[in-house]
N, C-alpha and C. Protein backbone atom coordinates (compact mmCIF):
# COMPACT_ATOMS: atom_id res chain seq x y z
N UNK A 1 24.50 -10.39 11.68
CA UNK A 1 24.45 -11.41 10.65
C UNK A 1 23.18 -11.15 9.77
N UNK A 2 23.37 -11.21 8.39
CA UNK A 2 22.21 -10.98 7.52
C UNK A 2 21.64 -12.36 7.27
N UNK A 3 20.14 -12.33 7.21
CA UNK A 3 19.47 -13.46 6.90
C UNK A 3 19.65 -13.77 5.38
N UNK A 4 19.86 -15.12 5.10
CA UNK A 4 19.97 -15.63 3.64
C UNK A 4 18.88 -16.47 3.33
N UNK A 5 18.61 -16.69 2.07
CA UNK A 5 17.92 -17.81 1.51
C UNK A 5 18.74 -18.61 0.56
N UNK A 6 18.69 -19.88 0.82
CA UNK A 6 19.52 -20.73 0.14
C UNK A 6 18.75 -21.71 -0.85
N UNK A 7 19.43 -22.08 -1.85
CA UNK A 7 18.82 -23.08 -2.84
C UNK A 7 19.94 -24.21 -2.84
N UNK A 8 19.46 -25.43 -2.95
CA UNK A 8 20.41 -26.65 -3.11
C UNK A 8 20.19 -27.33 -4.37
N UNK A 9 21.31 -27.77 -4.93
CA UNK A 9 21.41 -28.47 -6.20
C UNK A 9 22.15 -29.80 -5.83
N UNK A 10 21.87 -30.77 -6.77
CA UNK A 10 22.55 -32.03 -6.54
C UNK A 10 23.51 -32.16 -7.76
N UNK A 11 24.82 -32.55 -7.50
CA UNK A 11 25.77 -32.78 -8.51
C UNK A 11 26.52 -34.03 -8.34
N UNK A 12 27.08 -34.65 -9.42
CA UNK A 12 27.86 -35.85 -9.25
C UNK A 12 29.24 -35.60 -10.01
N UNK A 13 30.26 -35.67 -9.19
CA UNK A 13 31.62 -35.51 -9.85
C UNK A 13 32.33 -36.86 -9.94
N UNK A 14 33.21 -36.89 -10.77
CA UNK A 14 33.92 -38.15 -10.93
C UNK A 14 35.50 -37.93 -11.04
N UNK A 15 36.25 -38.95 -10.70
CA UNK A 15 37.74 -38.83 -10.72
C UNK A 15 38.44 -40.16 -10.74
N UNK A 16 39.42 -40.25 -11.45
CA UNK A 16 40.26 -41.56 -11.44
C UNK A 16 41.23 -41.44 -10.20
N UNK A 17 41.41 -40.28 -9.60
CA UNK A 17 42.35 -40.14 -8.52
C UNK A 17 41.71 -40.46 -7.13
N UNK A 18 40.61 -39.85 -6.80
CA UNK A 18 40.08 -40.15 -5.39
C UNK A 18 38.81 -39.25 -5.29
N UNK A 19 38.26 -39.47 -3.97
CA UNK A 19 36.98 -38.78 -3.60
C UNK A 19 37.07 -37.36 -3.59
N UNK A 20 38.11 -36.84 -2.97
CA UNK A 20 38.21 -35.32 -2.91
C UNK A 20 38.26 -34.72 -4.23
N UNK A 21 39.03 -35.25 -5.11
CA UNK A 21 39.16 -34.78 -6.55
C UNK A 21 37.83 -34.78 -7.17
N UNK A 22 37.07 -35.91 -6.99
CA UNK A 22 35.61 -35.93 -7.57
C UNK A 22 34.74 -34.72 -7.08
N UNK A 23 34.78 -34.47 -5.73
CA UNK A 23 34.10 -33.44 -5.18
C UNK A 23 34.54 -32.09 -5.68
N UNK A 24 35.84 -31.86 -5.84
CA UNK A 24 36.32 -30.67 -6.34
C UNK A 24 36.03 -30.36 -7.76
N UNK A 25 36.05 -31.45 -8.58
CA UNK A 25 35.73 -31.35 -10.02
C UNK A 25 34.18 -30.98 -10.13
N UNK A 26 33.25 -31.53 -9.38
CA UNK A 26 31.91 -31.09 -9.49
C UNK A 26 31.72 -29.66 -9.06
N UNK A 27 32.38 -29.20 -8.04
CA UNK A 27 32.27 -27.83 -7.50
C UNK A 27 32.92 -26.86 -8.50
N UNK A 28 34.13 -27.23 -9.13
CA UNK A 28 34.68 -26.28 -10.07
C UNK A 28 33.77 -26.20 -11.29
N UNK A 29 33.23 -27.24 -11.77
CA UNK A 29 32.28 -27.11 -13.02
C UNK A 29 31.16 -26.34 -12.62
N UNK A 30 30.53 -26.52 -11.44
CA UNK A 30 29.30 -25.69 -11.06
C UNK A 30 29.67 -24.21 -11.00
N UNK A 31 30.85 -23.92 -10.54
CA UNK A 31 31.22 -22.57 -10.33
C UNK A 31 31.29 -21.76 -11.58
N UNK A 32 31.32 -22.46 -12.75
CA UNK A 32 31.25 -21.71 -14.00
C UNK A 32 30.00 -21.02 -14.28
N UNK A 33 28.94 -21.54 -13.70
CA UNK A 33 27.60 -20.96 -13.90
C UNK A 33 26.73 -20.60 -12.65
N UNK A 34 27.33 -20.93 -11.48
CA UNK A 34 26.58 -20.72 -10.21
C UNK A 34 27.55 -19.93 -9.29
N UNK A 35 26.93 -18.83 -8.77
CA UNK A 35 27.78 -18.03 -7.88
C UNK A 35 27.22 -18.19 -6.44
N UNK A 36 27.99 -17.76 -5.51
CA UNK A 36 27.59 -17.69 -4.10
C UNK A 36 27.42 -19.02 -3.40
N UNK A 37 28.18 -20.02 -3.88
CA UNK A 37 28.07 -21.39 -3.22
C UNK A 37 28.73 -21.26 -1.89
N UNK A 38 28.08 -21.86 -0.95
CA UNK A 38 28.46 -21.75 0.49
C UNK A 38 28.88 -23.01 1.15
N UNK A 39 28.24 -24.22 0.84
CA UNK A 39 28.55 -25.42 1.48
C UNK A 39 28.05 -26.58 0.56
N UNK A 40 28.57 -27.68 0.98
CA UNK A 40 28.16 -29.03 0.35
C UNK A 40 28.14 -30.02 1.43
N UNK A 41 27.33 -31.09 0.98
CA UNK A 41 27.19 -32.36 1.84
C UNK A 41 27.27 -33.50 0.84
N UNK A 42 28.01 -34.47 1.34
CA UNK A 42 28.19 -35.74 0.57
C UNK A 42 26.90 -36.64 0.77
N UNK A 43 26.34 -37.05 -0.38
CA UNK A 43 25.10 -37.76 -0.34
C UNK A 43 25.43 -39.26 -0.71
N UNK A 44 26.29 -39.52 -1.59
CA UNK A 44 26.59 -40.88 -2.01
C UNK A 44 28.00 -40.93 -2.54
N UNK A 45 28.70 -42.10 -2.28
CA UNK A 45 29.90 -42.33 -2.74
C UNK A 45 29.89 -43.67 -3.47
N UNK A 46 30.48 -43.74 -4.60
CA UNK A 46 30.49 -45.09 -5.29
C UNK A 46 31.78 -45.08 -6.29
N UNK A 47 31.97 -46.26 -6.77
CA UNK A 47 33.19 -46.42 -7.62
C UNK A 47 32.97 -47.40 -8.66
N UNK A 48 33.84 -47.41 -9.73
CA UNK A 48 33.81 -48.30 -10.73
C UNK A 48 35.05 -49.26 -10.56
N UNK A 49 34.89 -50.53 -10.75
CA UNK A 49 35.95 -51.54 -10.69
C UNK A 49 36.27 -51.96 -12.11
N UNK A 50 37.50 -52.05 -12.34
CA UNK A 50 37.93 -52.59 -13.70
C UNK A 50 39.10 -53.51 -13.37
N UNK A 51 38.88 -54.81 -13.64
CA UNK A 51 39.87 -55.88 -13.54
C UNK A 51 40.49 -55.80 -12.11
N UNK A 52 39.64 -55.84 -11.06
CA UNK A 52 39.92 -55.84 -9.58
C UNK A 52 40.62 -54.62 -9.00
N UNK A 53 40.57 -53.56 -9.83
CA UNK A 53 41.19 -52.22 -9.37
C UNK A 53 40.10 -51.19 -9.45
N UNK A 54 40.27 -50.17 -8.62
CA UNK A 54 39.31 -48.97 -8.61
C UNK A 54 39.67 -48.20 -9.82
N UNK A 55 38.77 -47.98 -10.77
CA UNK A 55 39.10 -47.25 -11.88
C UNK A 55 38.54 -45.84 -11.83
N UNK A 56 37.37 -45.54 -11.22
CA UNK A 56 36.90 -44.25 -11.12
C UNK A 56 36.18 -44.09 -9.79
N UNK A 57 36.18 -42.95 -9.21
CA UNK A 57 35.33 -42.61 -8.01
C UNK A 57 34.21 -41.70 -8.51
N UNK A 58 33.06 -41.80 -8.06
CA UNK A 58 31.88 -41.02 -8.36
C UNK A 58 31.22 -40.50 -6.91
N UNK A 59 31.14 -39.20 -6.77
CA UNK A 59 30.67 -38.71 -5.48
C UNK A 59 29.51 -37.75 -5.85
N UNK A 60 28.27 -38.09 -5.19
CA UNK A 60 27.18 -37.12 -5.37
C UNK A 60 27.08 -36.25 -4.20
N UNK A 61 26.98 -34.98 -4.49
CA UNK A 61 26.94 -33.98 -3.43
C UNK A 61 25.76 -33.03 -3.65
N UNK A 62 25.18 -32.44 -2.55
CA UNK A 62 24.32 -31.39 -2.58
C UNK A 62 25.05 -30.12 -2.29
N UNK A 63 24.92 -29.05 -3.13
CA UNK A 63 25.59 -27.74 -2.83
C UNK A 63 24.56 -26.71 -2.62
N UNK A 64 24.83 -25.93 -1.50
CA UNK A 64 23.98 -24.91 -1.12
C UNK A 64 24.49 -23.52 -1.54
N UNK A 65 23.69 -22.64 -2.07
CA UNK A 65 24.14 -21.36 -2.51
C UNK A 65 23.11 -20.39 -2.14
N UNK A 66 23.61 -19.11 -1.87
CA UNK A 66 22.62 -18.04 -1.56
C UNK A 66 21.89 -17.50 -2.76
N UNK A 67 20.77 -17.09 -2.67
CA UNK A 67 20.00 -16.42 -3.74
C UNK A 67 20.25 -14.95 -3.56
N UNK A 68 20.27 -14.25 -4.62
CA UNK A 68 20.44 -12.74 -4.64
C UNK A 68 19.14 -12.11 -4.39
């Protein structure tokens, strides 16, 4: 196994559908400019309520990626 050096960034994704979609949205957008993403950890989950219903989910994650 090769030793790696990682960098972490913090992202917040949102979705009207659910938590997983919010996470996937953040990772998909980050993948447009960041390569070698390896893992993520959920830091915070919150939502927006509109007239007694959940309108949006927001999930903050930290994503780790290897440096070249």
